[in-house]
């Protein structure tokens, strides 16, 4: 009889454990070649209804003083990055500030490159359904951003 009570308790506990979401991919902001990385700032994405992921920020510098700001949002709170089809190029004229946008892929990942003439470049990469990497710089070229994004992806 004790055996049945024990198995009657184990089965529901096992089912609850199996129903819990698995661990998310351990995305990080690693060191990347050609840059010196600052301290990683971590902010949990929390609300009264639960934990929804993490927001990481790290600033990288080249030997020449050019900067790259990396932002990584992971978890269900980050949501999915929506990108235009690869190769699609557009701008925000006539009402915007002259920004241009391009859909592309980086290491097989969907991405969106934005260029704002007065601010610089921003590259957003959909690492997974619930993980988005954003790289921003006012001093790096498009090729530099794409190389840095490739290094982030290959480091995982």
C-alpha atoms as a PDB file:
ATOM      1  CA  UNK A   1       0.000   0.000   0.000  1.00  0.00           C
ATOM      2  CA  UNK A   2       2.842   2.411   0.828  1.00  0.00           C
ATOM      3  CA  UNK A   3       4.331   1.688  -2.562  1.00  0.00           C
ATOM      4  CA  UNK A   4       1.173   2.932  -4.324  1.00  0.00           C
ATOM      5  CA  UNK A   5       1.029   6.099  -2.197  1.00  0.00           C
ATOM      6  CA  UNK A   6       4.683   6.818  -3.011  1.00  0.00           C
ATOM      7  CA  UNK A   7       4.176   6.310  -6.755  1.00  0.00           C
ATOM      8  CA  UNK A   8       0.986   8.372  -6.533  1.00  0.00           C
ATOM      9  CA  UNK A   9       3.090  11.262  -5.227  1.00  0.00           C
ATOM     10  CA  UNK A  10       6.063  10.827  -7.559  1.00  0.00           C
ATOM     11  CA  UNK A  11       4.027  10.852 -10.760  1.00  0.00           C
ATOM     12  CA  UNK A  12       2.368  14.283 -10.224  1.00  0.00           C
ATOM     13  CA  UNK A  13       5.690  15.821  -9.124  1.00  0.00           C
ATOM     14  CA  UNK A  14       7.423  14.386 -12.191  1.00  0.00           C
ATOM     15  CA  UNK A  15       4.694  15.717 -14.466  1.00  0.00           C
ATOM     16  CA  UNK A  16       5.002  19.197 -12.947  1.00  0.00           C
ATOM     17  CA  UNK A  17       8.790  19.190 -13.445  1.00  0.00           C
ATOM     18  CA  UNK A  18       8.430  18.059 -17.059  1.00  0.00           C
ATOM     19  CA  UNK A  19       5.822  20.758 -17.725  1.00  0.00           C
ATOM     20  CA  UNK A  20       8.126  23.568 -16.602  1.00  0.00           C
ATOM     21  CA  UNK A  21       9.892  25.444 -19.405  1.00  0.00           C
ATOM     22  CA  UNK A  22      13.411  24.227 -20.038  1.00  0.00           C
ATOM     23  CA  UNK A  23      16.437  26.405 -19.489  1.00  0.00           C
ATOM     24  CA  UNK A  24      16.889  29.073 -22.136  1.00  0.00           C
ATOM     25  CA  UNK A  25      20.013  29.156 -24.229  1.00  0.00           C
ATOM     26  CA  UNK A  26      22.770  30.732 -22.201  1.00  0.00           C
ATOM     27  CA  UNK A  27      23.387  33.743 -24.408  1.00  0.00           C
ATOM     28  CA  UNK A  28      26.042  36.124 -23.133  1.00  0.00           C
ATOM     29  CA  UNK A  29      28.037  39.141 -24.233  1.00  0.00           C
ATOM     30  CA  UNK A  30      31.455  37.518 -24.672  1.00  0.00           C
ATOM     31  CA  UNK A  31      34.839  39.070 -25.364  1.00  0.00           C
ATOM     32  CA  UNK A  32      35.253  39.608 -29.088  1.00  0.00           C
ATOM     33  CA  UNK A  33      38.457  39.929 -31.116  1.00  0.00           C
ATOM     34  CA  UNK A  34      39.638  43.484 -31.766  1.00  0.00           C
ATOM     35  CA  UNK A  35      37.649  44.971 -28.869  1.00  0.00           C
ATOM     36  CA  UNK A  36      38.106  45.483 -25.154  1.00  0.00           C
ATOM     37  CA  UNK A  37      34.842  44.824 -23.367  1.00  0.00           C
ATOM     38  CA  UNK A  38      33.644  46.767 -20.348  1.00  0.00           C
ATOM     39  CA  UNK A  39      31.664  45.346 -17.463  1.00  0.00           C
ATOM     40  CA  UNK A  40      28.427  43.532 -18.306  1.00  0.00           C
ATOM     41  CA  UNK A  41      25.393  45.243 -16.799  1.00  0.00           C
ATOM     42  CA  UNK A  42      22.550  42.810 -16.026  1.00  0.00           C
ATOM     43  CA  UNK A  43      18.942  43.766 -15.445  1.00  0.00           C
ATOM     44  CA  UNK A  44      16.319  41.091 -14.805  1.00  0.00           C
ATOM     45  CA  UNK A  45      13.071  41.533 -16.729  1.00  0.00           C
ATOM     46  CA  UNK A  46      10.632  41.092 -13.858  1.00  0.00           C
ATOM     47  CA  UNK A  47       7.048  41.987 -13.179  1.00  0.00           C
ATOM     48  CA  UNK A  48       4.569  41.099 -10.441  1.00  0.00           C
ATOM     49  CA  UNK A  49       3.372  38.284 -12.702  1.00  0.00           C
ATOM     50  CA  UNK A  50       6.808  36.656 -12.957  1.00  0.00           C
ATOM     51  CA  UNK A  51      10.286  36.696 -14.422  1.00  0.00           C
ATOM     52  CA  UNK A  52      10.482  37.332 -18.146  1.00  0.00           C
ATOM     53  CA  UNK A  53      14.165  37.143 -18.975  1.00  0.00           C
ATOM     54  CA  UNK A  54      17.236  39.290 -18.766  1.00  0.00           C
ATOM     55  CA  UNK A  55      18.620  42.475 -20.315  1.00  0.00           C
ATOM     56  CA  UNK A  56      22.412  42.670 -20.691  1.00  0.00           C
ATOM     57  CA  UNK A  57      24.429  45.687 -21.833  1.00  0.00           C
ATOM     58  CA  UNK A  58      28.166  45.895 -22.515  1.00  0.00           C
ATOM     59  CA  UNK A  59      30.250  48.620 -24.146  1.00  0.00           C
ATOM     60  CA  UNK A  60      33.237  47.569 -26.244  1.00  0.00           C
ATOM     61  CA  UNK A  61      36.125  49.760 -27.405  1.00  0.00           C
ATOM     62  CA  UNK A  62      38.722  49.385 -30.122  1.00  0.00           C
ATOM     63  CA  UNK A  63      42.356  50.367 -29.628  1.00  0.00           C
ATOM     64  CA  UNK A  64      41.580  53.541 -31.596  1.00  0.00           C
ATOM     65  CA  UNK A  65      38.773  54.545 -29.228  1.00  0.00           C
ATOM     66  CA  UNK A  66      35.794  53.629 -31.420  1.00  0.00           C
ATOM     67  CA  UNK A  67      32.889  52.220 -29.409  1.00  0.00           C
ATOM     68  CA  UNK A  68      30.297  49.512 -29.851  1.00  0.00           C
ATOM     69  CA  UNK A  69      27.317  49.163 -27.517  1.00  0.00           C
ATOM     70  CA  UNK A  70      25.900  45.649 -27.324  1.00  0.00           C
ATOM     71  CA  UNK A  71      22.468  44.946 -25.875  1.00  0.00           C
ATOM     72  CA  UNK A  72      21.136  41.438 -25.400  1.00  0.00           C
ATOM     73  CA  UNK A  73      17.529  40.767 -24.416  1.00  0.00           C
ATOM     74  CA  UNK A  74      16.624  37.169 -23.627  1.00  0.00           C
ATOM     75  CA  UNK A  75      13.536  35.396 -22.369  1.00  0.00           C
ATOM     76  CA  UNK A  76       9.840  35.581 -23.145  1.00  0.00           C
ATOM     77  CA  UNK A  77       9.709  39.284 -22.221  1.00  0.00           C
ATOM     78  CA  UNK A  78      12.066  40.127 -25.071  1.00  0.00           C
ATOM     79  CA  UNK A  79       9.607  38.907 -27.671  1.00  0.00           C
ATOM     80  CA  UNK A  80      10.446  37.979 -31.236  1.00  0.00           C
ATOM     81  CA  UNK A  81      12.409  40.319 -33.493  1.00  0.00           C
ATOM     82  CA  UNK A  82      10.502  40.957 -36.683  1.00  0.00           C
ATOM     83  CA  UNK A  83      12.716  41.641 -39.677  1.00  0.00           C
ATOM     84  CA  UNK A  84      12.003  42.452 -43.305  1.00  0.00           C
ATOM     85  CA  UNK A  85      12.882  39.877 -45.956  1.00  0.00           C
ATOM     86  CA  UNK A  86      16.574  39.564 -46.726  1.00  0.00           C
ATOM     87  CA  UNK A  87      17.688  42.118 -49.300  1.00  0.00           C
ATOM     88  CA  UNK A  88      14.749  44.467 -48.784  1.00  0.00           C
ATOM     89  CA  UNK A  89      15.972  48.047 -48.458  1.00  0.00           C
ATOM     90  CA  UNK A  90      13.776  50.973 -47.536  1.00  0.00           C
ATOM     91  CA  UNK A  91      13.858  54.330 -45.778  1.00  0.00           C
ATOM     92  CA  UNK A  92      11.597  56.473 -43.616  1.00  0.00           C
ATOM     93  CA  UNK A  93      11.110  59.277 -46.107  1.00  0.00           C
ATOM     94  CA  UNK A  94       9.252  61.629 -46.528  1.00  0.00           C
ATOM     95  CA  UNK A  95       8.319  62.014 -42.851  1.00  0.00           C
ATOM     96  CA  UNK A  96      11.363  60.587 -41.053  1.00  0.00           C
ATOM     97  CA  UNK A  97      14.924  61.698 -40.467  1.00  0.00           C
ATOM     98  CA  UNK A  98      16.498  60.009 -43.489  1.00  0.00           C
ATOM     99  CA  UNK A  99      17.022  56.625 -41.843  1.00  0.00           C
ATOM    100  CA  UNK A 100      17.508  53.609 -44.076  1.00  0.00           C
ATOM    101  CA  UNK A 101      16.718  49.980 -43.248  1.00  0.00           C
ATOM    102  CA  UNK A 102      17.878  46.685 -44.705  1.00  0.00           C
ATOM    103  CA  UNK A 103      16.842  43.097 -44.034  1.00  0.00           C
ATOM    104  CA  UNK A 104      19.759  40.666 -44.050  1.00  0.00           C
ATOM    105  CA  UNK A 105      21.165  37.563 -42.403  1.00  0.00           C
ATOM    106  CA  UNK A 106      24.241  37.202 -40.220  1.00  0.00           C
ATOM    107  CA  UNK A 107      25.598  33.686 -39.743  1.00  0.00           C
ATOM    108  CA  UNK A 108      22.199  32.327 -40.783  1.00  0.00           C
ATOM    109  CA  UNK A 109      20.301  34.538 -38.301  1.00  0.00           C
ATOM    110  CA  UNK A 110      17.657  37.079 -39.399  1.00  0.00           C
ATOM    111  CA  UNK A 111      18.796  40.673 -38.934  1.00  0.00           C
ATOM    112  CA  UNK A 112      17.856  44.300 -39.514  1.00  0.00           C
ATOM    113  CA  UNK A 113      20.427  47.015 -40.197  1.00  0.00           C
ATOM    114  CA  UNK A 114      19.368  50.609 -39.566  1.00  0.00           C
ATOM    115  CA  UNK A 115      21.409  53.653 -40.520  1.00  0.00           C
ATOM    116  CA  UNK A 116      20.466  57.006 -39.044  1.00  0.00           C
ATOM    117  CA  UNK A 117      22.641  59.699 -40.689  1.00  0.00           C
ATOM    118  CA  UNK A 118      22.924  61.838 -37.546  1.00  0.00           C
ATOM    119  CA  UNK A 119      23.377  58.953 -35.071  1.00  0.00           C
ATOM    120  CA  UNK A 120      25.101  55.991 -36.746  1.00  0.00           C
ATOM    121  CA  UNK A 121      24.349  52.321 -37.281  1.00  0.00           C
ATOM    122  CA  UNK A 122      22.272  49.787 -35.368  1.00  0.00           C
ATOM    123  CA  UNK A 123      22.166  46.084 -36.156  1.00  0.00           C
ATOM    124  CA  UNK A 124      19.521  43.875 -34.538  1.00  0.00           C
ATOM    125  CA  UNK A 125      19.946  40.106 -34.851  1.00  0.00           C
ATOM    126  CA  UNK A 126      17.341  37.474 -33.934  1.00  0.00           C
ATOM    127  CA  UNK A 127      19.513  34.922 -32.132  1.00  0.00           C
ATOM    128  CA  UNK A 128      16.452  32.816 -31.221  1.00  0.00           C
ATOM    129  CA  UNK A 129      12.700  33.334 -30.849  1.00  0.00           C
ATOM    130  CA  UNK A 130      13.299  34.891 -27.431  1.00  0.00           C
ATOM    131  CA  UNK A 131      16.797  36.382 -27.783  1.00  0.00           C
ATOM    132  CA  UNK A 132      17.755  39.549 -29.660  1.00  0.00           C
ATOM    133  CA  UNK A 133      21.226  41.057 -29.970  1.00  0.00           C
ATOM    134  CA  UNK A 134      21.495  44.755 -30.853  1.00  0.00           C
ATOM    135  CA  UNK A 135      24.801  46.394 -31.762  1.00  0.00           C
ATOM    136  CA  UNK A 136      24.991  50.183 -32.013  1.00  0.00           C
ATOM    137  CA  UNK A 137      27.846  52.468 -33.036  1.00  0.00           C
ATOM    138  CA  UNK A 138      28.345  55.986 -34.289  1.00  0.00           C
ATOM    139  CA  UNK A 139      31.955  55.287 -35.279  1.00  0.00           C
ATOM    140  CA  UNK A 140      32.067  51.782 -36.773  1.00  0.00           C
ATOM    141  CA  UNK A 141      31.288  50.817 -40.357  1.00  0.00           C
ATOM    142  CA  UNK A 142      28.638  48.417 -41.570  1.00  0.00           C
ATOM    143  CA  UNK A 143      31.329  45.772 -42.133  1.00  0.00           C
ATOM    144  CA  UNK A 144      32.659  46.256 -38.581  1.00  0.00           C
ATOM    145  CA  UNK A 145      29.169  45.718 -37.122  1.00  0.00           C
ATOM    146  CA  UNK A 146      28.589  42.624 -39.237  1.00  0.00           C
ATOM    147  CA  UNK A 147      31.975  41.185 -38.199  1.00  0.00           C
ATOM    148  CA  UNK A 148      31.227  41.866 -34.533  1.00  0.00           C
ATOM    149  CA  UNK A 149      27.784  40.224 -34.828  1.00  0.00           C
ATOM    150  CA  UNK A 150      29.392  37.170 -36.436  1.00  0.00           C
ATOM    151  CA  UNK A 151      31.882  36.968 -33.561  1.00  0.00           C
ATOM    152  CA  UNK A 152      29.023  37.096 -30.995  1.00  0.00           C
ATOM    153  CA  UNK A 153      27.103  34.342 -32.772  1.00  0.00           C
ATOM    154  CA  UNK A 154      30.153  32.112 -33.244  1.00  0.00           C
ATOM    155  CA  UNK A 155      31.093  32.515 -29.561  1.00  0.00           C
ATOM    156  CA  UNK A 156      27.835  30.791 -28.503  1.00  0.00           C
END
